[in-house]
Amino acid sequence: MTILVTGAGGFIGFHVARALLARGDRVLGIDNLNAYYEVSLKQARLAELEGRNGFTFRKADIAEPQLVEDVLAAYPDVSGIIHLAAQAGVRYSLVDPYAYIRSNVMGQTVMLELARRLPKPGHFVYASSSSVYGGNTKLPFSVGDPVETPVSLYAATKRADELLSQSYVHLYGLRMTGLRFFTVYGPWGRPDMSPYIFARAIFAGKPIEVFSHGRIRRDFSYIDDIVAGVLAAYDRPPPAPVNRLYNLGASSSEELMRFIALLEQAIGRKATIELKPAVPGDVPETYADVAATQRELDWRPQFAIEQGIPRFIDWFRAYHKL
């Protein structure tokens, strides 16, 4: 049987597909390879996958129902879906809100329609986000906390994904698991996220902009932990129709300035820091309560930022030939 992984050219999708292949699964990857960030990085990720036995890639936009249906029609052995494709980024949602509605809301609906039409409906695992917690001040964030006051359009679309999924459980009896990711970083990471932006600037000797005057704390989650959580969730489908939700994070809220200091240490250079005011949509702190994830999925984070940052920088040096 084959597992469909959407967003296979993306950061998390690439790592999940690679982990599935490493354990012997067959993977059908789809991605539209959009230009939100450099396509060359997405192509390099796919090149790492395409040489592996059991991997097939098809370029397709998840917001185009007929294109995706045509792809799936050629692979009738798809038995489950790990849906990771999305328009990411809180700040870009201020620039192009339509991209978020198209990819995150329409795209989720297309994938849900596919899931219910599989010959034998399997487990549907999809990406949500810690952003759904909005401006909640109670920490750490728990799955049972209120999530009805998003502070960014991106957050609103990810919460909409959760609600759409719940409706498909009710209507069609699907088994689903939504995963709320917390600030994922690591090798092959996204160039629009702060770890990559900061590393690139420090290597180039350019200043880095630090918003909220540096008074930000994040639950920085290393990619290997996130992948292990995705696979743990997929391998443990709920026994009955339900839309389960779990946090996946390091469960450690770190000061952004400390994260930068560890980047400086791993790179061997000091950063030039420009402190800036807060950006609309940003939240001051994230922190994952992963007790339920540990208990029900037998998963726990393994990598602190002291371990993850040097690994990220080692990859960054090799990829950029620094």
C-alpha atoms as a PDB file:
ATOM      1  CA  MET A   1       0.000   0.000   0.000  1.00  0.00           C
ATOM      2  CA  THR A   2       1.036   3.606  -0.603  1.00  0.00           C
ATOM      3  CA  ILE A   3       0.876   6.647   1.680  1.00  0.00           C
ATOM      4  CA  LEU A   4       0.070   9.993   0.069  1.00  0.00           C
ATOM      5  CA  VAL A   5       2.206  12.825   1.475  1.00  0.00           C
ATOM      6  CA  THR A   6       1.222  16.325   0.385  1.00  0.00           C
ATOM      7  CA  GLY A   7       3.816  19.069   0.499  1.00  0.00           C
ATOM      8  CA  ALA A   8       6.558  16.516  -0.179  1.00  0.00           C
ATOM      9  CA  GLY A   9       8.875  19.264  -1.417  1.00  0.00           C
ATOM     10  CA  GLY A  10       8.338  21.268   1.762  1.00  0.00           C
ATOM     11  CA  PHE A  11      10.325  21.192   4.973  1.00  0.00           C
ATOM     12  CA  ILE A  12       8.271  18.829   7.121  1.00  0.00           C
ATOM     13  CA  GLY A  13       6.799  16.917   4.180  1.00  0.00           C
ATOM     14  CA  PHE A  14      10.256  16.072   2.859  1.00  0.00           C
ATOM     15  CA  HIS A  15      11.445  14.751   6.213  1.00  0.00           C
ATOM     16  CA  VAL A  16       8.266  12.737   6.766  1.00  0.00           C
ATOM     17  CA  ALA A  17       8.456  11.192   3.290  1.00  0.00           C
ATOM     18  CA  ARG A  18      12.124  10.298   3.832  1.00  0.00           C
ATOM     19  CA  ALA A  19      11.355   8.658   7.182  1.00  0.00           C
ATOM     20  CA  LEU A  20       8.501   6.633   5.675  1.00  0.00           C
ATOM     21  CA  LEU A  21      10.745   5.433   2.847  1.00  0.00           C
ATOM     22  CA  ALA A  22      13.522   4.540   5.287  1.00  0.00           C
ATOM     23  CA  ARG A  23      11.222   2.122   7.083  1.00  0.00           C
ATOM     24  CA  GLY A  24      10.007   0.526   3.867  1.00  0.00           C
ATOM     25  CA  ASP A  25       6.758   2.328   3.057  1.00  0.00           C
ATOM     26  CA  ARG A  26       5.834   3.426  -0.453  1.00  0.00           C
ATOM     27  CA  VAL A  27       5.180   7.156  -0.776  1.00  0.00           C
ATOM     28  CA  LEU A  28       3.315   9.187  -3.374  1.00  0.00           C
ATOM     29  CA  GLY A  29       4.410  12.789  -2.918  1.00  0.00           C
ATOM     30  CA  ILE A  30       2.633  15.801  -4.372  1.00  0.00           C
ATOM     31  CA  ASP A  31       3.585  19.462  -4.245  1.00  0.00           C
ATOM     32  CA  ASN A  32       2.918  22.486  -6.432  1.00  0.00           C
ATOM     33  CA  LEU A  33       6.469  23.844  -5.903  1.00  0.00           C
ATOM     34  CA  ASN A  34       5.243  27.410  -5.549  1.00  0.00           C
ATOM     35  CA  ALA A  35       7.618  30.342  -5.323  1.00  0.00           C
ATOM     36  CA  TYR A  36       6.799  31.471  -1.764  1.00  0.00           C
ATOM     37  CA  TYR A  37      10.472  30.747  -1.094  1.00  0.00           C
ATOM     38  CA  GLU A  38      13.207  29.547  -3.428  1.00  0.00           C
ATOM     39  CA  VAL A  39      12.042  26.643  -5.556  1.00  0.00           C
ATOM     40  CA  SER A  40      15.628  25.401  -5.826  1.00  0.00           C
ATOM     41  CA  LEU A  41      15.519  24.273  -2.178  1.00  0.00           C
ATOM     42  CA  LYS A  42      12.287  22.355  -2.761  1.00  0.00           C
ATOM     43  CA  GLN A  43      13.805  20.737  -5.837  1.00  0.00           C
ATOM     44  CA  ALA A  44      16.917  19.789  -3.875  1.00  0.00           C
ATOM     45  CA  ARG A  45      14.752  18.107  -1.244  1.00  0.00           C
ATOM     46  CA  LEU A  46      12.885  16.178  -3.912  1.00  0.00           C
ATOM     47  CA  ALA A  47      16.151  15.133  -5.522  1.00  0.00           C
ATOM     48  CA  GLU A  48      17.056  13.507  -2.201  1.00  0.00           C
ATOM     49  CA  LEU A  49      13.800  11.539  -2.300  1.00  0.00           C
ATOM     50  CA  GLU A  50      13.596  10.628  -5.957  1.00  0.00           C
ATOM     51  CA  GLY A  51      16.605   8.370  -5.791  1.00  0.00           C
ATOM     52  CA  ARG A  52      14.976   6.209  -3.122  1.00  0.00           C
ATOM     53  CA  ASN A  53      13.087   3.022  -3.774  1.00  0.00           C
ATOM     54  CA  GLY A  54       9.339   3.381  -3.301  1.00  0.00           C
ATOM     55  CA  PHE A  55       9.019   7.131  -3.945  1.00  0.00           C
ATOM     56  CA  THR A  56       6.886   8.670  -6.688  1.00  0.00           C
ATOM     57  CA  PHE A  57       6.388  12.402  -7.182  1.00  0.00           C
ATOM     58  CA  ARG A  58       3.680  14.239  -9.075  1.00  0.00           C
ATOM     59  CA  LYS A  59       3.462  17.999  -9.302  1.00  0.00           C
ATOM     60  CA  ALA A  60      -0.037  19.149  -8.386  1.00  0.00           C
ATOM     61  CA  ASP A  61      -1.791  22.007  -6.607  1.00  0.00           C
ATOM     62  CA  ILE A  62      -3.917  20.714  -3.730  1.00  0.00           C
ATOM     63  CA  ALA A  63      -6.417  23.527  -4.343  1.00  0.00           C
ATOM     64  CA  GLU A  64      -7.224  22.144  -7.823  1.00  0.00           C
ATOM     65  CA  PRO A  65      -9.685  19.274  -7.282  1.00  0.00           C
ATOM     66  CA  GLN A  66      -9.514  17.754 -10.749  1.00  0.00           C
ATOM     67  CA  LEU A  67      -5.717  17.786 -10.899  1.00  0.00           C
ATOM     68  CA  VAL A  68      -5.434  16.017  -7.555  1.00  0.00           C
ATOM     69  CA  GLU A  69      -8.181  13.536  -8.408  1.00  0.00           C
ATOM     70  CA  ASP A  70      -6.401  12.694 -11.667  1.00  0.00           C
ATOM     71  CA  VAL A  71      -3.189  11.987  -9.779  1.00  0.00           C
ATOM     72  CA  LEU A  72      -4.929   9.774  -7.243  1.00  0.00           C
ATOM     73  CA  ALA A  73      -6.825   7.894  -9.956  1.00  0.00           C
ATOM     74  CA  ALA A  74      -3.471   6.595 -11.224  1.00  0.00           C
ATOM     75  CA  TYR A  75      -2.578   5.235  -7.766  1.00  0.00           C
ATOM     76  CA  PRO A  76      -5.522   3.171  -6.496  1.00  0.00           C
ATOM     77  CA  ASP A  77      -3.388   1.567  -3.767  1.00  0.00           C
ATOM     78  CA  VAL A  78      -3.214   4.751  -1.662  1.00  0.00           C
ATOM     79  CA  SER A  79      -4.287   3.637   1.797  1.00  0.00           C
ATOM     80  CA  GLY A  80      -3.757   6.735   3.921  1.00  0.00           C
ATOM     81  CA  ILE A  81      -2.969  10.440   3.699  1.00  0.00           C
ATOM     82  CA  ILE A  82      -0.499  12.645   5.549  1.00  0.00           C
ATOM     83  CA  HIS A  83      -1.536  16.139   4.505  1.00  0.00           C
ATOM     84  CA  LEU A  84       1.243  18.655   5.158  1.00  0.00           C
ATOM     85  CA  ALA A  85       0.923  21.027   2.197  1.00  0.00           C
ATOM     86  CA  ALA A  86      -0.140  24.554   3.125  1.00  0.00           C
ATOM     87  CA  GLN A  87       0.583  28.211   2.657  1.00  0.00           C
ATOM     88  CA  ALA A  88       2.731  28.860   5.704  1.00  0.00           C
ATOM     89  CA  GLY A  89       3.867  31.989   7.526  1.00  0.00           C
ATOM     90  CA  VAL A  90       2.032  34.417   9.771  1.00  0.00           C
ATOM     91  CA  ARG A  91       3.534  37.607   8.345  1.00  0.00           C
ATOM     92  CA  TYR A  92       2.991  36.792   4.673  1.00  0.00           C
ATOM     93  CA  SER A  93      -0.726  36.420   5.382  1.00  0.00           C
ATOM     94  CA  LEU A  94      -0.768  40.213   5.749  1.00  0.00           C
ATOM     95  CA  VAL A  95       0.567  40.483   2.194  1.00  0.00           C
ATOM     96  CA  ASP A  96      -1.450  37.865   0.307  1.00  0.00           C
ATOM     97  CA  PRO A  97      -4.453  36.649   2.310  1.00  0.00           C
ATOM     98  CA  TYR A  98      -5.983  34.989  -0.744  1.00  0.00           C
ATOM     99  CA  ALA A  99      -3.103  32.502  -0.922  1.00  0.00           C
ATOM    100  CA  TYR A 100      -4.024  31.246   2.553  1.00  0.00           C
ATOM    101  CA  ILE A 101      -7.704  30.774   1.787  1.00  0.00           C
ATOM    102  CA  ARG A 102      -6.833  28.947  -1.428  1.00  0.00           C
ATOM    103  CA  SER A 103      -4.150  26.620  -0.093  1.00  0.00           C
ATOM    104  CA  ASN A 104      -5.239  26.097   3.491  1.00  0.00           C
ATOM    105  CA  VAL A 105      -9.026  26.114   3.276  1.00  0.00           C
ATOM    106  CA  MET A 106      -9.732  25.016  -0.287  1.00  0.00           C
ATOM    107  CA  GLY A 107      -6.751  22.646  -0.176  1.00  0.00           C
ATOM    108  CA  GLN A 108      -7.969  21.028   3.037  1.00  0.00           C
ATOM    109  CA  THR A 109     -11.416  20.553   1.541  1.00  0.00           C
ATOM    110  CA  VAL A 110      -9.996  18.914  -1.589  1.00  0.00           C
ATOM    111  CA  MET A 111      -7.948  16.491   0.505  1.00  0.00           C
ATOM    112  CA  LEU A 112     -10.902  15.661   2.740  1.00  0.00           C
ATOM    113  CA  GLU A 113     -12.991  14.879  -0.324  1.00  0.00           C
ATOM    114  CA  LEU A 114     -10.239  12.581  -1.553  1.00  0.00           C
ATOM    115  CA  ALA A 115      -9.983  10.902   1.825  1.00  0.00           C
ATOM    116  CA  ARG A 116     -13.668   9.998   1.911  1.00  0.00           C
ATOM    117  CA  ARG A 117     -13.510   8.606  -1.631  1.00  0.00           C
ATOM    118  CA  LEU A 118     -10.580   6.267  -1.140  1.00  0.00           C
ATOM    119  CA  PRO A 119     -11.611   2.660  -1.924  1.00  0.00           C
ATOM    120  CA  LYS A 120     -10.950   1.816   1.712  1.00  0.00           C
ATOM    121  CA  PRO A 121     -10.840   5.084   3.716  1.00  0.00           C
ATOM    122  CA  GLY A 122      -7.705   5.082   5.835  1.00  0.00           C
ATOM    123  CA  HIS A 123      -6.181   7.346   8.437  1.00  0.00           C
ATOM    124  CA  PHE A 124      -6.059  11.058   7.527  1.00  0.00           C
ATOM    125  CA  VAL A 125      -3.310  12.973   9.379  1.00  0.00           C
ATOM    126  CA  TYR A 126      -3.052  16.703   8.757  1.00  0.00           C
ATOM    127  CA  ALA A 127      -0.995  19.677   9.861  1.00  0.00           C
ATOM    128  CA  SER A 128      -2.470  22.312  12.110  1.00  0.00           C
ATOM    129  CA  SER A 129      -0.440  24.916  14.006  1.00  0.00           C
ATOM    130  CA  SER A 130       0.282  26.347  17.428  1.00  0.00           C
ATOM    131  CA  SER A 131      -0.960  29.629  15.933  1.00  0.00           C
ATOM    132  CA  VAL A 132      -4.533  28.500  16.603  1.00  0.00           C
ATOM    133  CA  TYR A 133      -4.016  29.353  20.282  1.00  0.00           C
ATOM    134  CA  GLY A 134      -3.947  33.035  19.306  1.00  0.00           C
ATOM    135  CA  GLY A 135      -3.307  35.436  22.136  1.00  0.00           C
ATOM    136  CA  ASN A 136      -3.949  32.914  24.927  1.00  0.00           C
ATOM    137  CA  THR A 137      -2.021  33.877  28.041  1.00  0.00           C
ATOM    138  CA  LYS A 138      -2.408  30.563  29.876  1.00  0.00           C
ATOM    139  CA  LEU A 139       0.776  28.553  29.431  1.00  0.00           C
ATOM    140  CA  PRO A 140       1.611  25.950  28.365  1.00  0.00           C
ATOM    141  CA  PHE A 141      -0.923  25.680  25.539  1.00  0.00           C
ATOM    142  CA  SER A 142      -3.121  22.599  25.921  1.00  0.00           C
ATOM    143  CA  VAL A 143      -5.347  21.048  23.274  1.00  0.00           C
ATOM    144  CA  GLY A 144      -8.410  21.753  25.411  1.00  0.00           C
ATOM    145  CA  ASP A 145      -7.689  25.494  25.617  1.00  0.00           C
ATOM    146  CA  PRO A 146      -9.949  28.005  23.793  1.00  0.00           C
ATOM    147  CA  VAL A 147      -8.957  28.553  20.164  1.00  0.00           C
ATOM    148  CA  GLU A 148     -11.708  30.877  18.961  1.00  0.00           C
ATOM    149  CA  THR A 149      -9.750  34.151  18.885  1.00  0.00           C
ATOM    150  CA  PRO A 150      -7.054  33.860  16.184  1.00  0.00           C
ATOM    151  CA  VAL A 151      -4.752  36.864  15.872  1.00  0.00           C
ATOM    152  CA  SER A 152      -3.654  36.193  12.282  1.00  0.00           C
ATOM    153  CA  LEU A 153      -5.314  35.046   9.079  1.00  0.00           C
ATOM    154  CA  TYR A 154      -2.912  32.106   8.962  1.00  0.00           C
ATOM    155  CA  ALA A 155      -4.129  30.978  12.389  1.00  0.00           C
ATOM    156  CA  ALA A 156      -7.750  31.374  11.300  1.00  0.00           C
ATOM    157  CA  THR A 157      -7.199  29.133   8.272  1.00  0.00           C
ATOM    158  CA  LYS A 158      -5.542  26.412  10.361  1.00  0.00           C
ATOM    159  CA  ARG A 159      -8.416  26.487  12.845  1.00  0.00           C
ATOM    160  CA  ALA A 160     -10.790  26.284   9.886  1.00  0.00           C
ATOM    161  CA  ASP A 161      -8.941  23.121   8.828  1.00  0.00           C
ATOM    162  CA  GLU A 162      -9.663  21.573  12.208  1.00  0.00           C
ATOM    163  CA  LEU A 163     -13.351  22.464  11.979  1.00  0.00           C
ATOM    164  CA  LEU A 164     -13.662  21.207   8.411  1.00  0.00           C
ATOM    165  CA  SER A 165     -12.120  17.933   9.508  1.00  0.00           C
ATOM    166  CA  GLN A 166     -14.580  17.604  12.360  1.00  0.00           C
ATOM    167  CA  SER A 167     -17.476  18.056   9.959  1.00  0.00           C
ATOM    168  CA  TYR A 168     -16.148  15.248   7.721  1.00  0.00           C
ATOM    169  CA  VAL A 169     -15.883  12.959  10.716  1.00  0.00           C
ATOM    170  CA  HIS A 170     -19.541  13.627  11.480  1.00  0.00           C
ATOM    171  CA  LEU A 171     -20.723  13.330   7.882  1.00  0.00           C
ATOM    172  CA  TYR A 172     -18.605  10.487   6.566  1.00  0.00           C
ATOM    173  CA  GLY A 173     -17.191   8.634   9.547  1.00  0.00           C
ATOM    174  CA  LEU A 174     -13.531   9.359   8.767  1.00  0.00           C
ATOM    175  CA  ARG A 175     -10.702   8.794  11.246  1.00  0.00           C
ATOM    176  CA  MET A 176      -8.486  11.864  11.547  1.00  0.00           C
ATOM    177  CA  THR A 177      -5.599  13.264  13.525  1.00  0.00           C
ATOM    178  CA  GLY A 178      -4.649  16.950  13.476  1.00  0.00           C
ATOM    179  CA  LEU A 179      -1.192  17.952  14.681  1.00  0.00           C
ATOM    180  CA  ARG A 180      -0.478  21.409  16.061  1.00  0.00           C
ATOM    181  CA  PHE A 181       3.180  22.054  15.224  1.00  0.00           C
ATOM    182  CA  PHE A 182       5.269  24.461  17.293  1.00  0.00           C
ATOM    183  CA  THR A 183       8.064  26.461  15.515  1.00  0.00           C
ATOM    184  CA  VAL A 184       9.839  23.656  13.679  1.00  0.00           C
ATOM    185  CA  TYR A 185      13.506  24.113  12.713  1.00  0.00           C
ATOM    186  CA  GLY A 186      16.399  21.981  11.552  1.00  0.00           C
ATOM    187  CA  PRO A 187      18.229  20.773   8.412  1.00  0.00           C
ATOM    188  CA  TRP A 188      16.455  21.513   5.122  1.00  0.00           C
ATOM    189  CA  GLY A 189      14.440  24.175   6.965  1.00  0.00           C
ATOM    190  CA  ARG A 190      12.328  26.985   5.546  1.00  0.00           C
ATOM    191  CA  PRO A 191      14.186  30.166   4.489  1.00  0.00           C
ATOM    192  CA  ASP A 192      11.259  32.345   5.603  1.00  0.00           C
ATOM    193  CA  MET A 193      11.610  31.285   9.257  1.00  0.00           C
ATOM    194  CA  SER A 194      13.793  33.065  11.796  1.00  0.00           C
ATOM    195  CA  PRO A 195      16.465  30.344  12.314  1.00  0.00           C
ATOM    196  CA  TYR A 196      17.258  30.326   8.592  1.00  0.00           C
ATOM    197  CA  ILE A 197      16.946  34.106   8.214  1.00  0.00           C
ATOM    198  CA  PHE A 198      19.245  34.698  11.179  1.00  0.00           C
ATOM    199  CA  ALA A 199      21.819  32.120  10.086  1.00  0.00           C
ATOM    200  CA  ARG A 200      21.952  33.533   6.573  1.00  0.00           C
ATOM    201  CA  ALA A 201      22.433  37.079   7.874  1.00  0.00           C
ATOM    202  CA  ILE A 202      25.093  36.139  10.439  1.00  0.00           C
ATOM    203  CA  PHE A 203      27.149  34.255   7.826  1.00  0.00           C
ATOM    204  CA  ALA A 204      26.838  37.232   5.462  1.00  0.00           C
ATOM    205  CA  GLY A 205      27.759  39.770   8.140  1.00  0.00           C
ATOM    206  CA  LYS A 206      24.426  41.515   7.767  1.00  0.00           C
ATOM    207  CA  PRO A 207      22.164  42.761  10.598  1.00  0.00           C
ATOM    208  CA  ILE A 208      19.198  40.732  11.744  1.00  0.00           C
ATOM    209  CA  GLU A 209      15.852  42.259  12.616  1.00  0.00           C
ATOM    210  CA  VAL A 210      14.487  41.033  15.934  1.00  0.00           C
ATOM    211  CA  PHE A 211      10.859  41.980  16.450  1.00  0.00           C
ATOM    212  CA  SER A 212       9.015  42.735  19.687  1.00  0.00           C
ATOM    213  CA  HIS A 213      12.360  44.193  20.821  1.00  0.00           C
ATOM    214  CA  GLY A 214      13.547  40.640  21.425  1.00  0.00           C
ATOM    215  CA  ARG A 215      10.915  39.932  24.068  1.00  0.00           C
ATOM    216  CA  ILE A 216       9.699  36.760  22.377  1.00  0.00           C
ATOM    217  CA  ARG A 217       9.695  33.180  23.597  1.00  0.00           C
ATOM    218  CA  ARG A 218       9.115  30.210  21.334  1.00  0.00           C
ATOM    219  CA  ASP A 219       8.778  26.465  21.695  1.00  0.00           C
ATOM    220  CA  PHE A 220      11.497  25.666  19.143  1.00  0.00           C
ATOM    221  CA  SER A 221      10.925  22.086  17.980  1.00  0.00           C
ATOM    222  CA  TYR A 222      13.605  20.076  16.199  1.00  0.00           C
ATOM    223  CA  ILE A 223      12.530  18.430  12.959  1.00  0.00           C
ATOM    224  CA  ASP A 224      13.463  14.874  13.979  1.00  0.00           C
ATOM    225  CA  ASP A 225      11.115  15.108  16.961  1.00  0.00           C
ATOM    226  CA  ILE A 226       8.312  16.397  14.763  1.00  0.00           C
ATOM    227  CA  VAL A 227       8.764  13.617  12.218  1.00  0.00           C
ATOM    228  CA  ALA A 228       8.724  11.007  14.978  1.00  0.00           C
ATOM    229  CA  GLY A 229       5.455  12.541  16.206  1.00  0.00           C
ATOM    230  CA  VAL A 230       3.861  12.505  12.760  1.00  0.00           C
ATOM    231  CA  LEU A 231       4.721   8.838  12.267  1.00  0.00           C
ATOM    232  CA  ALA A 232       3.558   7.950  15.776  1.00  0.00           C
ATOM    233  CA  ALA A 233       0.229   9.619  15.055  1.00  0.00           C
ATOM    234  CA  TYR A 234      -0.179   7.969  11.657  1.00  0.00           C
ATOM    235  CA  ASP A 235       0.653   4.525  13.023  1.00  0.00           C
ATOM    236  CA  ARG A 236      -1.979   4.845  15.753  1.00  0.00           C
ATOM    237  CA  PRO A 237      -5.266   5.641  14.010  1.00  0.00           C
ATOM    238  CA  PRO A 238      -8.218   6.192  16.304  1.00  0.00           C
ATOM    239  CA  PRO A 239     -10.337   3.058  16.702  1.00  0.00           C
ATOM    240  CA  ALA A 240     -13.534   4.933  15.811  1.00  0.00           C
ATOM    241  CA  PRO A 241     -14.470   7.984  13.705  1.00  0.00           C
ATOM    242  CA  VAL A 242     -13.042  11.015  15.499  1.00  0.00           C
ATOM    243  CA  ASN A 243     -10.934  14.115  14.849  1.00  0.00           C
ATOM    244  CA  ARG A 244      -8.110  13.870  17.396  1.00  0.00           C
ATOM    245  CA  LEU A 245      -5.864  16.849  18.049  1.00  0.00           C
ATOM    246  CA  TYR A 246      -2.364  16.782  19.508  1.00  0.00           C
ATOM    247  CA  ASN A 247       0.416  19.266  20.203  1.00  0.00           C
ATOM    248  CA  LEU A 248       3.845  18.478  18.768  1.00  0.00           C
ATOM    249  CA  GLY A 249       6.534  20.663  20.322  1.00  0.00           C
ATOM    250  CA  ALA A 250       9.650  20.568  22.447  1.00  0.00           C
ATOM    251  CA  SER A 251       7.585  21.559  25.489  1.00  0.00           C
ATOM    252  CA  SER A 252      10.204  24.155  26.373  1.00  0.00           C
ATOM    253  CA  SER A 253       9.604  27.868  25.867  1.00  0.00           C
ATOM    254  CA  GLU A 254      12.949  29.489  25.006  1.00  0.00           C
ATOM    255  CA  GLU A 255      13.936  33.144  24.827  1.00  0.00           C
ATOM    256  CA  LEU A 256      14.555  34.215  21.237  1.00  0.00           C
ATOM    257  CA  MET A 257      17.732  36.023  22.288  1.00  0.00           C
ATOM    258  CA  ARG A 258      19.094  32.778  23.736  1.00  0.00           C
ATOM    259  CA  PHE A 259      18.303  30.997  20.492  1.00  0.00           C
ATOM    260  CA  ILE A 260      20.281  33.692  18.650  1.00  0.00           C
ATOM    261  CA  ALA A 261      23.191  33.309  21.079  1.00  0.00           C
ATOM    262  CA  LEU A 262      23.322  29.576  20.327  1.00  0.00           C
ATOM    263  CA  LEU A 263      23.287  30.329  16.600  1.00  0.00           C
ATOM    264  CA  GLU A 264      26.226  32.691  17.122  1.00  0.00           C
ATOM    265  CA  GLN A 265      28.084  30.009  19.037  1.00  0.00           C
ATOM    266  CA  ALA A 266      27.495  27.352  16.373  1.00  0.00           C
ATOM    267  CA  ILE A 267      28.461  29.715  13.545  1.00  0.00           C
ATOM    268  CA  GLY A 268      31.411  31.236  15.375  1.00  0.00           C
ATOM    269  CA  ARG A 269      30.393  34.840  14.661  1.00  0.00           C
ATOM    270  CA  LYS A 270      28.475  37.551  16.479  1.00  0.00           C
ATOM    271  CA  ALA A 271      25.204  38.847  15.120  1.00  0.00           C
ATOM    272  CA  THR A 272      24.428  42.492  14.525  1.00  0.00           C
ATOM    273  CA  ILE A 273      20.986  42.897  16.027  1.00  0.00           C
ATOM    274  CA  GLU A 274      18.412  45.539  15.158  1.00  0.00           C
ATOM    275  CA  LEU A 275      15.524  45.559  17.626  1.00  0.00           C
ATOM    276  CA  LYS A 276      12.141  46.263  16.038  1.00  0.00           C
ATOM    277  CA  PRO A 277       8.575  46.663  17.356  1.00  0.00           C
ATOM    278  CA  ALA A 278       6.077  43.816  17.232  1.00  0.00           C
ATOM    279  CA  VAL A 279       4.522  42.733  13.948  1.00  0.00           C
ATOM    280  CA  PRO A 280       0.724  42.337  13.763  1.00  0.00           C
ATOM    281  CA  GLY A 281      -0.235  38.682  14.145  1.00  0.00           C
ATOM    282  CA  ASP A 282       2.794  37.658  16.198  1.00  0.00           C
ATOM    283  CA  VAL A 283       2.260  36.303  19.709  1.00  0.00           C
ATOM    284  CA  PRO A 284       4.693  36.910  22.568  1.00  0.00           C
ATOM    285  CA  GLU A 285       5.151  33.295  23.669  1.00  0.00           C
ATOM    286  CA  THR A 286       4.401  29.720  22.652  1.00  0.00           C
ATOM    287  CA  TYR A 287       4.763  26.651  24.840  1.00  0.00           C
ATOM    288  CA  ALA A 288       3.355  23.189  24.146  1.00  0.00           C
ATOM    289  CA  ASP A 289       1.700  20.949  26.682  1.00  0.00           C
ATOM    290  CA  VAL A 290       2.496  17.522  25.203  1.00  0.00           C
ATOM    291  CA  ALA A 291       1.248  15.337  28.054  1.00  0.00           C
ATOM    292  CA  ALA A 292      -1.606  13.886  25.989  1.00  0.00           C
ATOM    293  CA  THR A 293       0.717  13.287  23.024  1.00  0.00           C
ATOM    294  CA  GLN A 294       3.150  11.408  25.242  1.00  0.00           C
ATOM    295  CA  ARG A 295       0.425   9.382  26.881  1.00  0.00           C
ATOM    296  CA  GLU A 296      -1.599   8.439  23.812  1.00  0.00           C
ATOM    297  CA  LEU A 297       1.047   8.285  21.078  1.00  0.00           C
ATOM    298  CA  ASP A 298       4.002   7.105  23.173  1.00  0.00           C
ATOM    299  CA  TRP A 299       6.002  10.058  21.868  1.00  0.00           C
ATOM    300  CA  ARG A 300       8.232  12.562  23.607  1.00  0.00           C
ATOM    301  CA  PRO A 301      10.665  15.210  22.335  1.00  0.00           C
ATOM    302  CA  GLN A 302      14.342  14.247  22.414  1.00  0.00           C
ATOM    303  CA  PHE A 303      16.227  17.299  21.137  1.00  0.00           C
ATOM    304  CA  ALA A 304      16.903  20.501  23.086  1.00  0.00           C
ATOM    305  CA  ILE A 305      18.006  23.577  21.159  1.00  0.00           C
ATOM    306  CA  GLU A 306      21.576  23.026  22.396  1.00  0.00           C
ATOM    307  CA  GLN A 307      21.587  19.855  20.280  1.00  0.00           C
ATOM    308  CA  GLY A 308      19.370  20.948  17.401  1.00  0.00           C
ATOM    309  CA  ILE A 309      21.001  24.260  16.512  1.00  0.00           C
ATOM    310  CA  PRO A 310      24.502  22.829  15.813  1.00  0.00           C
ATOM    311  CA  ARG A 311      22.919  20.156  13.600  1.00  0.00           C
ATOM    312  CA  PHE A 312      21.016  22.817  11.688  1.00  0.00           C
ATOM    313  CA  ILE A 313      24.148  24.917  11.208  1.00  0.00           C
ATOM    314  CA  ASP A 314      26.185  21.891  10.058  1.00  0.00           C
ATOM    315  CA  TRP A 315      23.596  21.304   7.338  1.00  0.00           C
ATOM    316  CA  PHE A 316      23.432  25.026   6.503  1.00  0.00           C
ATOM    317  CA  ARG A 317      27.216  25.158   5.960  1.00  0.00           C
ATOM    318  CA  ALA A 318      27.163  22.067   3.753  1.00  0.00           C
ATOM    319  CA  TYR A 319      24.138  23.114   1.686  1.00  0.00           C
ATOM    320  CA  HIS A 320      25.384  26.657   1.082  1.00  0.00           C
ATOM    321  CA  LYS A 321      29.046  25.559   0.760  1.00  0.00           C
ATOM    322  CA  LEU A 322      30.232  27.955   3.480  1.00  0.00           C
END
